[in-house]
Amino acid sequence: MLINLSNHPSSAWSSAQLFAAQRYGEIVDLPFPSVSPEGDEDYIRSLVDDYICEVEKLAAGSGATVHVMGEMTFTCAMVTALKARGFRCVASTTLRDVVEEDGAKTSVFQFVRFRGY
């Protein structure tokens, strides 16, 4: 099982990302929290505790891998907590293509692979 803890539901993933995710089994989406910029470290710890409970419920002893992508302080704390509990954690890597036109920059991201934390 791959638990997708990100702001990007698997229903919107490219065919390449879906194909790469197949090696983990079923994909289950867990929406990434809205992390307040005003929150301190205790706030992050509390949020992580809540999400650890959600991941453990979803995994139900399946040895799930967790795809974690989002706000950096939450991601760091979440990955640390998940790994301490024996979960494998991965990030998605992308190729960024920047197009400049009429002074505006547009970035297009193309999935490359999952990489372990």
N, C-alpha and C. Protein backbone atom coordinates (compact mmCIF):
# COMPACT_ATOMS: atom_id res chain seq x y z
N MET A 1 0.84 -1.18 0.00
CA MET A 1 0.00 0.00 0.00
C MET A 1 0.88 1.24 0.00
N LEU A 2 0.46 2.24 -0.75
CA LEU A 2 1.12 3.54 -0.75
C LEU A 2 0.12 4.57 -0.23
N ILE A 3 0.43 5.16 0.92
CA ILE A 3 -0.41 6.22 1.46
C ILE A 3 0.16 7.53 0.93
N ASN A 4 -0.65 8.24 0.18
CA ASN A 4 -0.25 9.49 -0.45
C ASN A 4 -0.64 10.67 0.44
N LEU A 5 0.32 11.13 1.24
CA LEU A 5 0.10 12.29 2.12
C LEU A 5 0.69 13.51 1.43
N SER A 6 -0.12 14.13 0.59
CA SER A 6 0.34 15.28 -0.19
C SER A 6 -0.88 16.12 -0.58
N ASN A 7 -0.61 17.25 -1.23
CA ASN A 7 -1.67 18.11 -1.74
C ASN A 7 -2.12 17.70 -3.13
N HIS A 8 -1.59 16.58 -3.62
CA HIS A 8 -1.87 16.14 -4.99
C HIS A 8 -2.50 14.76 -4.97
N PRO A 9 -3.84 14.68 -5.07
CA PRO A 9 -4.49 13.37 -5.04
C PRO A 9 -4.02 12.50 -6.20
N SER A 10 -3.96 11.22 -5.95
CA SER A 10 -3.46 10.29 -6.98
C SER A 10 -4.33 10.31 -8.24
N SER A 11 -5.57 10.72 -8.13
CA SER A 11 -6.43 10.81 -9.31
C SER A 11 -5.92 11.84 -10.32
N ALA A 12 -5.05 12.75 -9.88
CA ALA A 12 -4.49 13.77 -10.77
C ALA A 12 -3.05 13.46 -11.18
N TRP A 13 -2.52 12.32 -10.73
CA TRP A 13 -1.14 11.96 -11.09
C TRP A 13 -1.03 11.59 -12.55
N SER A 14 0.16 11.77 -13.09
CA SER A 14 0.43 11.36 -14.47
C SER A 14 0.45 9.84 -14.56
N SER A 15 0.33 9.33 -15.76
CA SER A 15 0.39 7.88 -15.95
C SER A 15 1.75 7.34 -15.50
N ALA A 16 2.82 8.11 -15.68
CA ALA A 16 4.14 7.66 -15.24
C ALA A 16 4.21 7.52 -13.72
N GLN A 17 3.61 8.45 -13.00
CA GLN A 17 3.62 8.38 -11.54
C GLN A 17 2.74 7.23 -11.05
N LEU A 18 1.60 7.04 -11.67
CA LEU A 18 0.72 5.93 -11.30
C LEU A 18 1.40 4.59 -11.57
N PHE A 19 2.09 4.50 -12.67
CA PHE A 19 2.81 3.27 -13.01
C PHE A 19 3.89 2.99 -11.96
N ALA A 20 4.65 4.02 -11.58
CA ALA A 20 5.70 3.84 -10.57
C ALA A 20 5.11 3.47 -9.21
N ALA A 21 3.93 3.97 -8.91
CA ALA A 21 3.28 3.70 -7.62
C ALA A 21 2.77 2.27 -7.53
N GLN A 22 2.56 1.62 -8.65
CA GLN A 22 2.02 0.25 -8.65
C GLN A 22 2.89 -0.71 -7.85
N ARG A 23 4.17 -0.45 -7.77
CA ARG A 23 5.06 -1.37 -7.05
C ARG A 23 4.73 -1.43 -5.56
N TYR A 24 4.03 -0.40 -5.05
CA TYR A 24 3.68 -0.36 -3.63
C TYR A 24 2.31 -0.96 -3.35
N GLY A 25 1.54 -1.23 -4.38
CA GLY A 25 0.19 -1.76 -4.20
C GLY A 25 -0.85 -0.67 -4.30
N GLU A 26 -1.93 -0.87 -3.58
CA GLU A 26 -3.05 0.07 -3.59
C GLU A 26 -2.58 1.46 -3.15
N ILE A 27 -3.13 2.51 -3.79
CA ILE A 27 -2.84 3.90 -3.40
C ILE A 27 -4.03 4.42 -2.60
N VAL A 28 -3.73 4.97 -1.43
CA VAL A 28 -4.76 5.57 -0.59
C VAL A 28 -4.36 7.02 -0.34
N ASP A 29 -5.24 7.95 -0.68
CA ASP A 29 -4.95 9.37 -0.50
C ASP A 29 -5.32 9.83 0.90
N LEU A 30 -4.40 10.57 1.51
CA LEU A 30 -4.64 11.24 2.80
C LEU A 30 -4.25 12.69 2.58
N PRO A 31 -5.23 13.58 2.49
CA PRO A 31 -4.92 14.99 2.18
C PRO A 31 -3.94 15.60 3.17
N PHE A 32 -3.00 16.35 2.65
CA PHE A 32 -1.99 17.03 3.46
C PHE A 32 -2.68 18.12 4.27
N PRO A 33 -2.28 18.29 5.53
CA PRO A 33 -2.95 19.32 6.34
C PRO A 33 -2.58 20.73 5.90
N SER A 34 -3.47 21.64 6.21
CA SER A 34 -3.17 23.06 6.04
C SER A 34 -2.38 23.46 7.28
N VAL A 35 -1.10 23.74 7.10
CA VAL A 35 -0.20 24.01 8.22
C VAL A 35 -0.11 25.53 8.42
N SER A 36 -0.53 25.98 9.60
CA SER A 36 -0.51 27.42 9.89
C SER A 36 0.91 27.93 10.00
N PRO A 37 1.23 29.03 9.33
CA PRO A 37 2.57 29.61 9.46
C PRO A 37 2.79 30.21 10.85
N GLU A 38 1.73 30.40 11.60
CA GLU A 38 1.82 30.95 12.95
C GLU A 38 2.15 29.88 13.99
N GLY A 39 1.98 28.62 13.65
CA GLY A 39 2.18 27.53 14.60
C GLY A 39 3.63 27.35 15.00
N ASP A 40 3.83 26.96 16.25
CA ASP A 40 5.19 26.71 16.75
C ASP A 40 5.50 25.21 16.68
N GLU A 41 6.61 24.80 17.28
CA GLU A 41 7.03 23.40 17.24
C GLU A 41 6.03 22.48 17.95
N ASP A 42 5.42 22.96 19.04
CA ASP A 42 4.41 22.15 19.73
C ASP A 42 3.20 21.92 18.83
N TYR A 43 2.83 22.93 18.09
CA TYR A 43 1.72 22.82 17.13
C TYR A 43 2.04 21.75 16.09
N ILE A 44 3.26 21.77 15.55
CA ILE A 44 3.67 20.77 14.55
C ILE A 44 3.65 19.38 15.16
N ARG A 45 4.18 19.22 16.37
CA ARG A 45 4.17 17.91 17.03
C ARG A 45 2.75 17.38 17.20
N SER A 46 1.84 18.24 17.59
CA SER A 46 0.45 17.84 17.78
C SER A 46 -0.19 17.41 16.46
N LEU A 47 0.07 18.18 15.41
CA LEU A 47 -0.45 17.86 14.09
C LEU A 47 0.12 16.52 13.60
N VAL A 48 1.41 16.32 13.83
CA VAL A 48 2.04 15.06 13.45
C VAL A 48 1.40 13.89 14.21
N ASP A 49 1.18 14.07 15.51
CA ASP A 49 0.54 13.01 16.30
C ASP A 49 -0.81 12.63 15.71
N ASP A 50 -1.61 13.63 15.32
CA ASP A 50 -2.91 13.37 14.71
C ASP A 50 -2.77 12.58 13.41
N TYR A 51 -1.81 12.97 12.59
CA TYR A 51 -1.63 12.31 11.29
C TYR A 51 -1.00 10.94 11.42
N ILE A 52 -0.17 10.73 12.42
CA ILE A 52 0.37 9.39 12.66
C ILE A 52 -0.78 8.43 12.95
N CYS A 53 -1.74 8.86 13.75
CA CYS A 53 -2.91 8.03 14.06
C CYS A 53 -3.66 7.68 12.77
N GLU A 54 -3.84 8.67 11.89
CA GLU A 54 -4.54 8.42 10.63
C GLU A 54 -3.79 7.43 9.75
N VAL A 55 -2.48 7.60 9.65
CA VAL A 55 -1.67 6.69 8.83
C VAL A 55 -1.74 5.27 9.40
N GLU A 56 -1.62 5.14 10.71
CA GLU A 56 -1.66 3.81 11.32
C GLU A 56 -3.02 3.14 11.09
N LYS A 57 -4.11 3.90 11.13
CA LYS A 57 -5.44 3.34 10.83
C LYS A 57 -5.51 2.86 9.38
N LEU A 58 -5.04 3.70 8.47
CA LEU A 58 -5.08 3.33 7.06
C LEU A 58 -4.19 2.13 6.75
N ALA A 59 -3.02 2.09 7.36
CA ALA A 59 -2.06 1.02 7.09
C ALA A 59 -2.53 -0.30 7.69
N ALA A 60 -3.14 -0.24 8.86
CA ALA A 60 -3.67 -1.43 9.53
C ALA A 60 -2.71 -2.61 9.46
N GLY A 61 -1.44 -2.36 9.79
CA GLY A 61 -0.45 -3.43 9.83
C GLY A 61 0.02 -3.93 8.49
N SER A 62 -0.25 -3.19 7.42
CA SER A 62 0.06 -3.67 6.07
C SER A 62 1.51 -3.42 5.66
N GLY A 63 2.29 -2.73 6.48
CA GLY A 63 3.65 -2.39 6.06
C GLY A 63 3.65 -1.35 4.96
N ALA A 64 2.74 -0.42 5.05
CA ALA A 64 2.56 0.61 4.01
C ALA A 64 3.79 1.49 3.87
N THR A 65 3.95 2.01 2.67
CA THR A 65 4.91 3.06 2.37
C THR A 65 4.13 4.37 2.34
N VAL A 66 4.73 5.45 2.84
CA VAL A 66 4.04 6.72 2.90
C VAL A 66 4.76 7.74 2.02
N HIS A 67 4.04 8.29 1.06
CA HIS A 67 4.54 9.36 0.18
C HIS A 67 4.22 10.67 0.88
N VAL A 68 5.26 11.39 1.33
CA VAL A 68 5.05 12.62 2.10
C VAL A 68 5.67 13.79 1.34
N MET A 69 4.82 14.74 0.94
CA MET A 69 5.28 15.93 0.22
C MET A 69 4.42 17.10 0.66
N GLY A 70 5.08 18.17 1.13
CA GLY A 70 4.33 19.36 1.54
C GLY A 70 5.19 20.28 2.39
N GLU A 71 4.54 21.07 3.21
CA GLU A 71 5.21 22.06 4.06
C GLU A 71 6.37 21.39 4.80
N MET A 72 7.53 22.05 4.75
CA MET A 72 8.77 21.39 5.13
C MET A 72 8.89 21.00 6.61
N THR A 73 8.48 21.84 7.56
CA THR A 73 8.67 21.48 8.96
C THR A 73 7.75 20.32 9.35
N PHE A 74 6.53 20.32 8.84
CA PHE A 74 5.63 19.19 9.09
C PHE A 74 6.17 17.94 8.43
N THR A 75 6.62 18.05 7.17
CA THR A 75 7.14 16.90 6.44
C THR A 75 8.32 16.29 7.18
N CYS A 76 9.25 17.11 7.62
CA CYS A 76 10.42 16.61 8.34
C CYS A 76 10.01 15.88 9.62
N ALA A 77 9.13 16.49 10.41
CA ALA A 77 8.68 15.87 11.65
C ALA A 77 7.87 14.60 11.38
N MET A 78 7.05 14.62 10.35
CA MET A 78 6.22 13.46 10.02
C MET A 78 7.07 12.29 9.55
N VAL A 79 8.02 12.55 8.68
CA VAL A 79 8.89 11.49 8.19
C VAL A 79 9.70 10.89 9.34
N THR A 80 10.21 11.74 10.21
CA THR A 80 10.97 11.26 11.37
C THR A 80 10.11 10.35 12.24
N ALA A 81 8.88 10.77 12.51
CA ALA A 81 7.97 9.98 13.35
C ALA A 81 7.57 8.67 12.66
N LEU A 82 7.29 8.74 11.38
CA LEU A 82 6.90 7.53 10.64
C LEU A 82 8.03 6.52 10.60
N LYS A 83 9.24 6.98 10.31
CA LYS A 83 10.38 6.07 10.24
C LYS A 83 10.66 5.44 11.60
N ALA A 84 10.46 6.19 12.69
CA ALA A 84 10.65 5.64 14.03
C ALA A 84 9.65 4.52 14.31
N ARG A 85 8.52 4.52 13.59
CA ARG A 85 7.50 3.49 13.76
C ARG A 85 7.62 2.39 12.71
N GLY A 86 8.69 2.43 11.92
CA GLY A 86 8.94 1.38 10.95
C GLY A 86 8.34 1.56 9.58
N PHE A 87 7.77 2.72 9.29
CA PHE A 87 7.23 2.97 7.97
C PHE A 87 8.34 3.38 7.01
N ARG A 88 8.22 2.95 5.78
CA ARG A 88 9.10 3.45 4.72
C ARG A 88 8.45 4.72 4.18
N CYS A 89 9.25 5.76 3.96
CA CYS A 89 8.74 7.04 3.45
C CYS A 89 9.45 7.39 2.15
N VAL A 90 8.68 7.91 1.21
CA VAL A 90 9.23 8.31 -0.08
C VAL A 90 8.76 9.71 -0.45
N ALA A 91 9.55 10.34 -1.30
CA ALA A 91 9.22 11.62 -1.91
C ALA A 91 9.11 11.39 -3.41
N SER A 92 8.35 12.22 -4.08
CA SER A 92 8.31 12.16 -5.54
C SER A 92 9.31 13.19 -6.07
N THR A 93 10.10 12.76 -7.05
CA THR A 93 11.04 13.67 -7.67
C THR A 93 10.49 14.09 -9.03
N THR A 94 10.80 15.32 -9.41
CA THR A 94 10.27 15.86 -10.66
C THR A 94 11.36 16.60 -11.42
N LEU A 95 11.14 16.69 -12.71
CA LEU A 95 11.96 17.52 -13.58
C LEU A 95 11.19 18.82 -13.78
N ARG A 96 11.83 19.92 -13.49
CA ARG A 96 11.16 21.23 -13.61
C ARG A 96 11.57 21.88 -14.92
N ASP A 97 10.59 22.21 -15.72
CA ASP A 97 10.81 22.89 -17.00
C ASP A 97 10.22 24.29 -16.88
N VAL A 98 11.10 25.30 -16.94
CA VAL A 98 10.64 26.68 -16.81
C VAL A 98 10.58 27.32 -18.20
N VAL A 99 9.43 27.89 -18.49
CA VAL A 99 9.24 28.60 -19.76
C VAL A 99 9.02 30.07 -19.43
N GLU A 100 9.84 30.93 -20.04
CA GLU A 100 9.68 32.38 -19.87
C GLU A 100 9.08 32.96 -21.13
N GLU A 101 7.99 33.66 -20.95
CA GLU A 101 7.32 34.27 -22.09
C GLU A 101 6.72 35.60 -21.67
N ASP A 102 7.08 36.66 -22.36
CA ASP A 102 6.58 38.01 -22.07
C ASP A 102 6.79 38.41 -20.61
N GLY A 103 7.94 38.03 -20.06
CA GLY A 103 8.28 38.39 -18.69
C GLY A 103 7.64 37.53 -17.61
N ALA A 104 6.85 36.55 -18.00
CA ALA A 104 6.21 35.66 -17.03
C ALA A 104 6.87 34.29 -17.08
N LYS A 105 7.10 33.71 -15.92
CA LYS A 105 7.68 32.38 -15.83
C LYS A 105 6.58 31.37 -15.51
N THR A 106 6.60 30.28 -16.25
CA THR A 106 5.68 29.18 -16.00
C THR A 106 6.52 27.94 -15.76
N SER A 107 6.25 27.25 -14.66
CA SER A 107 6.96 26.01 -14.36
C SER A 107 6.05 24.82 -14.61
N VAL A 108 6.60 23.84 -15.30
CA VAL A 108 5.91 22.58 -15.54
C VAL A 108 6.75 21.49 -14.90
N PHE A 109 6.11 20.67 -14.06
CA PHE A 109 6.82 19.62 -13.35
C PHE A 109 6.46 18.26 -13.95
N GLN A 110 7.48 17.47 -14.23
CA GLN A 110 7.27 16.15 -14.81
C GLN A 110 7.82 15.12 -13.83
N PHE A 111 6.97 14.20 -13.39
CA PHE A 111 7.37 13.16 -12.45
C PHE A 111 8.54 12.35 -13.02
N VAL A 112 9.52 12.04 -12.16
CA VAL A 112 10.64 11.20 -12.57
C VAL A 112 10.62 9.87 -11.82
N ARG A 113 10.58 9.94 -10.47
CA ARG A 113 10.62 8.71 -9.68
C ARG A 113 10.27 8.99 -8.23
N PHE A 114 10.04 7.92 -7.47
CA PHE A 114 9.93 8.02 -6.02
C PHE A 114 11.32 7.76 -5.45
N ARG A 115 11.68 8.51 -4.41
CA ARG A 115 12.98 8.35 -3.77
C ARG A 115 12.76 8.29 -2.26
N GLY A 116 13.45 7.37 -1.62
CA GLY A 116 13.30 7.20 -0.17
C GLY A 116 13.89 8.37 0.60
N TYR A 117 13.27 8.66 1.75
CA TYR A 117 13.82 9.65 2.67
C TYR A 117 14.91 8.99 3.48
